[in-house]
Amino acid sequence: MTAAEILTLFPSTFLSFLVAFSLGLVFWIAGLVVVNLVTPHNELALLRAGNLPCAIAFGGKALGMVLPIGAVARAAAGPVDQIIWCIVAVAVQLVMHLALNVLLAGRLKQEIEADKVGGAAVFIAFMQVGVGSLNQAVMSG
């Protein structure tokens, strides 16, 4: 392909990139907002205050959520397909978040309130990234 051909195609491919990137970003942020809303504490306020257990757990949630959203952006047949699968990606992460909260019976909340890193923050971060990696593999086709 020549440089002239590439430049001719660039506007349409750049528009496709902008749409896919924007949708992915919107779902990533919206997913993190939803996760924050179902937690017993305001994670954003805790992050601003420098709470390390919250940062570790929330960072794992953020990474675990963006992995499948990125896979969807790559594999989607178009914007509507991307929207549908981004909803699924966020839902999977939300279910894992809720399941981990039940499994650990409030242990992360205790760590956050004491601002001391323990097993719960690290375990949650790794589990969220793990389910995100699995979700990414399944969704990437």
N, C-alpha and C. Protein backbone atom coordinates (compact mmCIF):
# COMPACT_ATOMS: atom_id res chain seq x y z
N MET A 1 0.85 -1.17 0.00
CA MET A 1 0.00 0.00 0.00
C MET A 1 0.90 1.23 0.00
N THR A 2 0.57 2.16 -0.84
CA THR A 2 1.38 3.38 -0.95
C THR A 2 0.98 4.39 0.11
N ALA A 3 1.84 5.37 0.29
CA ALA A 3 1.55 6.44 1.26
C ALA A 3 0.29 7.20 0.86
N ALA A 4 0.09 7.42 -0.41
CA ALA A 4 -1.10 8.13 -0.88
C ALA A 4 -2.37 7.35 -0.55
N GLU A 5 -2.32 6.02 -0.72
CA GLU A 5 -3.48 5.19 -0.39
C GLU A 5 -3.77 5.20 1.11
N ILE A 6 -2.72 5.16 1.90
CA ILE A 6 -2.87 5.21 3.35
C ILE A 6 -3.51 6.54 3.76
N LEU A 7 -3.03 7.63 3.19
CA LEU A 7 -3.58 8.95 3.52
C LEU A 7 -5.03 9.08 3.06
N THR A 8 -5.39 8.42 2.00
CA THR A 8 -6.77 8.45 1.52
C THR A 8 -7.69 7.72 2.49
N LEU A 9 -7.22 6.62 3.06
CA LEU A 9 -8.02 5.82 3.99
C LEU A 9 -8.04 6.38 5.41
N PHE A 10 -7.06 7.20 5.74
CA PHE A 10 -6.90 7.67 7.11
C PHE A 10 -8.16 8.31 7.71
N PRO A 11 -8.85 9.21 7.04
CA PRO A 11 -10.02 9.84 7.68
C PRO A 11 -11.07 8.83 8.15
N SER A 12 -11.38 7.84 7.32
CA SER A 12 -12.40 6.87 7.72
C SER A 12 -11.89 5.94 8.82
N THR A 13 -10.63 5.52 8.74
CA THR A 13 -10.11 4.65 9.79
C THR A 13 -9.92 5.41 11.10
N PHE A 14 -9.55 6.69 11.00
CA PHE A 14 -9.41 7.49 12.22
C PHE A 14 -10.76 7.70 12.88
N LEU A 15 -11.81 7.89 12.09
CA LEU A 15 -13.16 8.03 12.65
C LEU A 15 -13.57 6.74 13.36
N SER A 16 -13.28 5.61 12.76
CA SER A 16 -13.59 4.32 13.39
C SER A 16 -12.84 4.19 14.71
N PHE A 17 -11.57 4.59 14.71
CA PHE A 17 -10.77 4.57 15.94
C PHE A 17 -11.41 5.45 17.01
N LEU A 18 -11.78 6.67 16.64
CA LEU A 18 -12.37 7.59 17.61
C LEU A 18 -13.66 7.04 18.22
N VAL A 19 -14.51 6.44 17.40
CA VAL A 19 -15.76 5.87 17.89
C VAL A 19 -15.48 4.72 18.85
N ALA A 20 -14.62 3.78 18.44
CA ALA A 20 -14.32 2.61 19.28
C ALA A 20 -13.62 3.04 20.57
N PHE A 21 -12.67 3.94 20.48
CA PHE A 21 -11.96 4.41 21.67
C PHE A 21 -12.90 5.13 22.62
N SER A 22 -13.73 6.00 22.08
CA SER A 22 -14.67 6.76 22.91
C SER A 22 -15.66 5.85 23.61
N LEU A 23 -16.21 4.88 22.88
CA LEU A 23 -17.14 3.94 23.52
C LEU A 23 -16.45 3.15 24.62
N GLY A 24 -15.24 2.69 24.35
CA GLY A 24 -14.49 1.95 25.36
C GLY A 24 -14.23 2.80 26.59
N LEU A 25 -13.83 4.03 26.39
CA LEU A 25 -13.55 4.92 27.50
C LEU A 25 -14.80 5.21 28.32
N VAL A 26 -15.91 5.45 27.63
CA VAL A 26 -17.18 5.72 28.33
C VAL A 26 -17.59 4.52 29.18
N PHE A 27 -17.49 3.31 28.63
CA PHE A 27 -17.87 2.13 29.40
C PHE A 27 -16.89 1.83 30.52
N TRP A 28 -15.63 2.10 30.33
CA TRP A 28 -14.65 1.89 31.38
C TRP A 28 -14.94 2.81 32.57
N ILE A 29 -15.13 4.09 32.28
CA ILE A 29 -15.42 5.06 33.34
C ILE A 29 -16.77 4.75 33.99
N ALA A 30 -17.78 4.48 33.17
CA ALA A 30 -19.11 4.18 33.71
C ALA A 30 -19.07 2.93 34.58
N GLY A 31 -18.33 1.92 34.15
CA GLY A 31 -18.20 0.70 34.94
C GLY A 31 -17.56 0.96 36.29
N LEU A 32 -16.52 1.78 36.30
CA LEU A 32 -15.86 2.10 37.57
C LEU A 32 -16.77 2.93 38.47
N VAL A 33 -17.57 3.80 37.88
CA VAL A 33 -18.53 4.58 38.67
C VAL A 33 -19.56 3.65 39.30
N VAL A 34 -20.07 2.68 38.52
CA VAL A 34 -21.06 1.74 39.05
C VAL A 34 -20.45 0.92 40.19
N VAL A 35 -19.24 0.43 40.00
CA VAL A 35 -18.58 -0.33 41.07
C VAL A 35 -18.42 0.55 42.31
N ASN A 36 -18.04 1.79 42.11
CA ASN A 36 -17.89 2.72 43.24
C ASN A 36 -19.22 2.93 43.96
N LEU A 37 -20.31 2.98 43.21
CA LEU A 37 -21.63 3.22 43.82
C LEU A 37 -22.11 2.05 44.68
N VAL A 38 -21.66 0.84 44.37
CA VAL A 38 -22.12 -0.32 45.15
C VAL A 38 -21.18 -0.67 46.30
N THR A 39 -20.14 0.10 46.48
CA THR A 39 -19.25 -0.14 47.63
C THR A 39 -19.72 0.70 48.82
N PRO A 40 -19.38 0.26 50.02
CA PRO A 40 -19.86 0.98 51.22
C PRO A 40 -19.09 2.28 51.48
N HIS A 41 -18.07 2.57 50.69
CA HIS A 41 -17.28 3.78 50.89
C HIS A 41 -17.04 4.46 49.54
N ASN A 42 -16.69 5.72 49.58
CA ASN A 42 -16.41 6.48 48.35
C ASN A 42 -14.95 6.27 47.96
N GLU A 43 -14.74 5.39 46.99
CA GLU A 43 -13.38 5.05 46.61
C GLU A 43 -12.61 6.24 46.03
N LEU A 44 -13.27 7.09 45.29
CA LEU A 44 -12.60 8.26 44.73
C LEU A 44 -12.06 9.17 45.84
N ALA A 45 -12.87 9.40 46.86
CA ALA A 45 -12.42 10.22 48.00
C ALA A 45 -11.25 9.55 48.71
N LEU A 46 -11.32 8.24 48.86
CA LEU A 46 -10.23 7.51 49.50
C LEU A 46 -8.95 7.55 48.67
N LEU A 47 -9.10 7.46 47.34
CA LEU A 47 -7.93 7.55 46.46
C LEU A 47 -7.30 8.93 46.57
N ARG A 48 -8.13 9.96 46.60
CA ARG A 48 -7.61 11.33 46.75
C ARG A 48 -6.88 11.51 48.08
N ALA A 49 -7.33 10.79 49.09
CA ALA A 49 -6.70 10.88 50.41
C ALA A 49 -5.45 10.01 50.52
N GLY A 50 -5.17 9.22 49.50
CA GLY A 50 -3.98 8.39 49.49
C GLY A 50 -4.12 7.06 50.21
N ASN A 51 -5.33 6.54 50.29
CA ASN A 51 -5.56 5.26 50.98
C ASN A 51 -5.01 4.12 50.13
N LEU A 52 -3.96 3.47 50.61
CA LEU A 52 -3.25 2.45 49.83
C LEU A 52 -4.07 1.17 49.59
N PRO A 53 -4.77 0.61 50.58
CA PRO A 53 -5.57 -0.59 50.29
C PRO A 53 -6.64 -0.31 49.22
N CYS A 54 -7.24 0.85 49.27
CA CYS A 54 -8.24 1.22 48.27
C CYS A 54 -7.58 1.34 46.89
N ALA A 55 -6.42 1.96 46.84
CA ALA A 55 -5.72 2.14 45.57
C ALA A 55 -5.37 0.79 44.94
N ILE A 56 -4.92 -0.15 45.75
CA ILE A 56 -4.56 -1.47 45.23
C ILE A 56 -5.80 -2.18 44.69
N ALA A 57 -6.85 -2.23 45.49
CA ALA A 57 -8.08 -2.93 45.07
C ALA A 57 -8.73 -2.25 43.88
N PHE A 58 -8.83 -0.91 43.92
CA PHE A 58 -9.48 -0.19 42.83
C PHE A 58 -8.65 -0.24 41.56
N GLY A 59 -7.32 -0.22 41.71
CA GLY A 59 -6.46 -0.37 40.54
C GLY A 59 -6.66 -1.72 39.86
N GLY A 60 -6.82 -2.76 40.66
CA GLY A 60 -7.10 -4.09 40.10
C GLY A 60 -8.44 -4.12 39.39
N LYS A 61 -9.43 -3.46 39.97
CA LYS A 61 -10.75 -3.38 39.34
C LYS A 61 -10.66 -2.63 38.01
N ALA A 62 -9.92 -1.52 38.00
CA ALA A 62 -9.78 -0.72 36.78
C ALA A 62 -9.08 -1.50 35.68
N LEU A 63 -7.99 -2.17 36.03
CA LEU A 63 -7.27 -2.96 35.04
C LEU A 63 -8.10 -4.16 34.57
N GLY A 64 -8.73 -4.83 35.51
CA GLY A 64 -9.57 -5.97 35.15
C GLY A 64 -10.74 -5.58 34.25
N MET A 65 -11.23 -4.37 34.40
CA MET A 65 -12.36 -3.94 33.59
C MET A 65 -11.92 -3.50 32.19
N VAL A 66 -10.77 -2.85 32.09
CA VAL A 66 -10.35 -2.33 30.79
C VAL A 66 -9.85 -3.44 29.85
N LEU A 67 -9.37 -4.54 30.38
CA LEU A 67 -8.88 -5.62 29.52
C LEU A 67 -9.96 -6.16 28.57
N PRO A 68 -11.12 -6.57 29.07
CA PRO A 68 -12.14 -7.05 28.14
C PRO A 68 -12.74 -5.93 27.29
N ILE A 69 -12.81 -4.73 27.83
CA ILE A 69 -13.33 -3.61 27.04
C ILE A 69 -12.42 -3.35 25.84
N GLY A 70 -11.12 -3.47 26.05
CA GLY A 70 -10.17 -3.34 24.94
C GLY A 70 -10.32 -4.46 23.92
N ALA A 71 -10.54 -5.68 24.41
CA ALA A 71 -10.73 -6.82 23.50
C ALA A 71 -11.99 -6.63 22.68
N VAL A 72 -13.02 -6.10 23.30
CA VAL A 72 -14.28 -5.87 22.59
C VAL A 72 -14.08 -4.82 21.51
N ALA A 73 -13.35 -3.76 21.82
CA ALA A 73 -13.10 -2.71 20.83
C ALA A 73 -12.40 -3.28 19.60
N ARG A 74 -11.54 -4.25 19.81
CA ARG A 74 -10.80 -4.87 18.70
C ARG A 74 -11.67 -5.84 17.89
N ALA A 75 -12.51 -6.58 18.58
CA ALA A 75 -13.24 -7.67 17.92
C ALA A 75 -14.66 -7.33 17.50
N ALA A 76 -15.19 -6.19 17.93
CA ALA A 76 -16.59 -5.87 17.66
C ALA A 76 -16.85 -5.65 16.17
N ALA A 77 -18.04 -6.04 15.75
CA ALA A 77 -18.45 -5.87 14.36
C ALA A 77 -18.86 -4.44 14.05
N GLY A 78 -19.02 -3.63 15.06
CA GLY A 78 -19.41 -2.23 14.89
C GLY A 78 -19.78 -1.65 16.24
N PRO A 79 -20.20 -0.39 16.26
CA PRO A 79 -20.50 0.27 17.53
C PRO A 79 -21.59 -0.41 18.36
N VAL A 80 -22.65 -0.89 17.75
CA VAL A 80 -23.73 -1.54 18.51
C VAL A 80 -23.21 -2.83 19.14
N ASP A 81 -22.47 -3.61 18.39
CA ASP A 81 -21.87 -4.84 18.92
C ASP A 81 -20.92 -4.50 20.07
N GLN A 82 -20.14 -3.44 19.93
CA GLN A 82 -19.22 -3.02 20.98
C GLN A 82 -19.99 -2.63 22.24
N ILE A 83 -21.06 -1.90 22.09
CA ILE A 83 -21.87 -1.48 23.24
C ILE A 83 -22.41 -2.70 23.99
N ILE A 84 -22.96 -3.64 23.26
CA ILE A 84 -23.53 -4.85 23.89
C ILE A 84 -22.47 -5.59 24.69
N TRP A 85 -21.30 -5.81 24.07
CA TRP A 85 -20.27 -6.60 24.74
C TRP A 85 -19.56 -5.81 25.84
N CYS A 86 -19.53 -4.48 25.74
CA CYS A 86 -18.99 -3.68 26.85
C CYS A 86 -19.90 -3.79 28.07
N ILE A 87 -21.20 -3.83 27.85
CA ILE A 87 -22.14 -4.03 28.96
C ILE A 87 -21.88 -5.37 29.63
N VAL A 88 -21.66 -6.40 28.83
CA VAL A 88 -21.36 -7.72 29.38
C VAL A 88 -20.03 -7.68 30.17
N ALA A 89 -19.02 -7.01 29.62
CA ALA A 89 -17.72 -6.93 30.28
C ALA A 89 -17.84 -6.25 31.64
N VAL A 90 -18.57 -5.15 31.69
CA VAL A 90 -18.76 -4.43 32.95
C VAL A 90 -19.57 -5.29 33.93
N ALA A 91 -20.59 -5.97 33.43
CA ALA A 91 -21.42 -6.82 34.30
C ALA A 91 -20.60 -7.94 34.92
N VAL A 92 -19.72 -8.55 34.15
CA VAL A 92 -18.86 -9.63 34.68
C VAL A 92 -17.98 -9.09 35.80
N GLN A 93 -17.38 -7.94 35.59
CA GLN A 93 -16.53 -7.35 36.62
C GLN A 93 -17.34 -6.98 37.87
N LEU A 94 -18.55 -6.49 37.67
CA LEU A 94 -19.41 -6.12 38.80
C LEU A 94 -19.79 -7.36 39.61
N VAL A 95 -20.13 -8.44 38.93
CA VAL A 95 -20.48 -9.69 39.62
C VAL A 95 -19.27 -10.19 40.42
N MET A 96 -18.08 -10.13 39.83
CA MET A 96 -16.88 -10.57 40.56
C MET A 96 -16.64 -9.67 41.77
N HIS A 97 -16.83 -8.38 41.60
CA HIS A 97 -16.68 -7.43 42.71
C HIS A 97 -17.62 -7.79 43.86
N LEU A 98 -18.88 -8.03 43.54
CA LEU A 98 -19.87 -8.37 44.57
C LEU A 98 -19.56 -9.72 45.22
N ALA A 99 -19.15 -10.69 44.42
CA ALA A 99 -18.81 -12.01 44.95
C ALA A 99 -17.61 -11.93 45.90
N LEU A 100 -16.62 -11.15 45.55
CA LEU A 100 -15.44 -11.01 46.41
C LEU A 100 -15.80 -10.32 47.72
N ASN A 101 -16.70 -9.35 47.67
CA ASN A 101 -17.13 -8.69 48.90
C ASN A 101 -17.83 -9.68 49.84
N VAL A 102 -18.65 -10.55 49.28
CA VAL A 102 -19.32 -11.57 50.09
C VAL A 102 -18.30 -12.57 50.62
N LEU A 103 -17.42 -13.03 49.76
CA LEU A 103 -16.42 -14.03 50.12
C LEU A 103 -15.51 -13.54 51.26
N LEU A 104 -15.12 -12.29 51.20
CA LEU A 104 -14.18 -11.76 52.19
C LEU A 104 -14.88 -11.11 53.38
N ALA A 105 -16.18 -11.08 53.37
CA ALA A 105 -17.00 -10.63 54.51
C ALA A 105 -16.52 -9.32 55.13
N GLY A 106 -16.32 -8.32 54.30
CA GLY A 106 -15.99 -7.00 54.81
C GLY A 106 -14.54 -6.77 55.16
N ARG A 107 -13.68 -7.71 54.84
CA ARG A 107 -12.25 -7.58 55.19
C ARG A 107 -11.62 -6.37 54.50
N LEU A 108 -11.95 -6.11 53.24
CA LEU A 108 -11.38 -4.95 52.55
C LEU A 108 -11.81 -3.66 53.24
N LYS A 109 -13.06 -3.60 53.66
CA LYS A 109 -13.55 -2.40 54.34
C LYS A 109 -12.72 -2.14 55.60
N GLN A 110 -12.40 -3.20 56.33
CA GLN A 110 -11.57 -3.06 57.54
C GLN A 110 -10.18 -2.54 57.19
N GLU A 111 -9.60 -3.08 56.12
CA GLU A 111 -8.27 -2.63 55.70
C GLU A 111 -8.30 -1.17 55.28
N ILE A 112 -9.33 -0.79 54.54
CA ILE A 112 -9.44 0.59 54.08
C ILE A 112 -9.61 1.54 55.26
N GLU A 113 -10.46 1.18 56.20
CA GLU A 113 -10.69 2.04 57.37
C GLU A 113 -9.43 2.19 58.22
N ALA A 114 -8.61 1.14 58.29
CA ALA A 114 -7.35 1.20 59.05
C ALA A 114 -6.21 1.76 58.20
N ASP A 115 -6.44 1.90 56.90
CA ASP A 115 -5.42 2.34 55.93
C ASP A 115 -4.16 1.48 56.05
N LYS A 116 -4.39 0.17 56.15
CA LYS A 116 -3.30 -0.80 56.22
C LYS A 116 -3.54 -1.90 55.19
N VAL A 117 -2.55 -2.11 54.36
CA VAL A 117 -2.68 -3.12 53.31
C VAL A 117 -2.60 -4.49 53.94
N GLY A 118 -3.57 -5.32 53.59
CA GLY A 118 -3.60 -6.70 54.05
C GLY A 118 -3.90 -7.59 52.86
N GLY A 119 -4.24 -8.80 53.15
CA GLY A 119 -4.49 -9.76 52.09
C GLY A 119 -5.70 -9.44 51.23
N ALA A 120 -6.70 -8.81 51.77
CA ALA A 120 -7.93 -8.58 51.01
C ALA A 120 -7.70 -7.66 49.82
N ALA A 121 -7.01 -6.55 50.02
CA ALA A 121 -6.78 -5.59 48.92
C ALA A 121 -6.00 -6.25 47.79
N VAL A 122 -4.97 -6.97 48.15
CA VAL A 122 -4.12 -7.62 47.14
C VAL A 122 -4.89 -8.74 46.45
N PHE A 123 -5.58 -9.56 47.23
CA PHE A 123 -6.36 -10.67 46.66
C PHE A 123 -7.43 -10.14 45.70
N ILE A 124 -8.15 -9.11 46.11
CA ILE A 124 -9.19 -8.54 45.25
C ILE A 124 -8.59 -8.01 43.96
N ALA A 125 -7.46 -7.30 44.06
CA ALA A 125 -6.83 -6.76 42.86
C ALA A 125 -6.46 -7.88 41.88
N PHE A 126 -5.84 -8.94 42.40
CA PHE A 126 -5.44 -10.05 41.52
C PHE A 126 -6.64 -10.79 40.94
N MET A 127 -7.67 -10.99 41.74
CA MET A 127 -8.86 -11.68 41.24
C MET A 127 -9.57 -10.85 40.16
N GLN A 128 -9.65 -9.54 40.34
CA GLN A 128 -10.30 -8.69 39.34
C GLN A 128 -9.50 -8.69 38.04
N VAL A 129 -8.18 -8.64 38.14
CA VAL A 129 -7.35 -8.70 36.93
C VAL A 129 -7.47 -10.09 36.30
N GLY A 130 -7.53 -11.12 37.13
CA GLY A 130 -7.67 -12.48 36.61
C GLY A 130 -8.96 -12.68 35.84
N VAL A 131 -10.07 -12.26 36.42
CA VAL A 131 -11.34 -12.43 35.70
C VAL A 131 -11.39 -11.52 34.48
N GLY A 132 -10.74 -10.36 34.57
CA GLY A 132 -10.66 -9.49 33.40
C GLY A 132 -9.86 -10.12 32.28
N SER A 133 -8.77 -10.81 32.64
CA SER A 133 -7.95 -11.51 31.63
C SER A 133 -8.72 -12.65 30.98
N LEU A 134 -9.44 -13.41 31.80
CA LEU A 134 -10.27 -14.49 31.26
C LEU A 134 -11.36 -13.93 30.35
N ASN A 135 -11.99 -12.89 30.82
CA ASN A 135 -13.05 -12.23 30.04
C ASN A 135 -12.46 -11.71 28.72
N GLN A 136 -11.29 -11.12 28.78
CA GLN A 136 -10.63 -10.62 27.57
C GLN A 136 -10.37 -11.75 26.57
N ALA A 137 -9.87 -12.86 27.06
CA ALA A 137 -9.57 -13.99 26.18
C ALA A 137 -10.82 -14.51 25.50
N VAL A 138 -11.89 -14.60 26.26
CA VAL A 138 -13.15 -15.11 25.70
C VAL A 138 -13.72 -14.13 24.69
N MET A 139 -13.65 -12.84 24.99
CA MET A 139 -14.26 -11.83 24.12
C MET A 139 -13.44 -11.48 22.90
N SER A 140 -12.16 -11.82 22.91
CA SER A 140 -11.32 -11.42 21.77
C SER A 140 -11.50 -12.34 20.57
N GLY A 141 -12.25 -13.41 20.76
CA GLY A 141 -12.56 -14.29 19.64
C GLY A 141 -11.40 -15.07 19.22
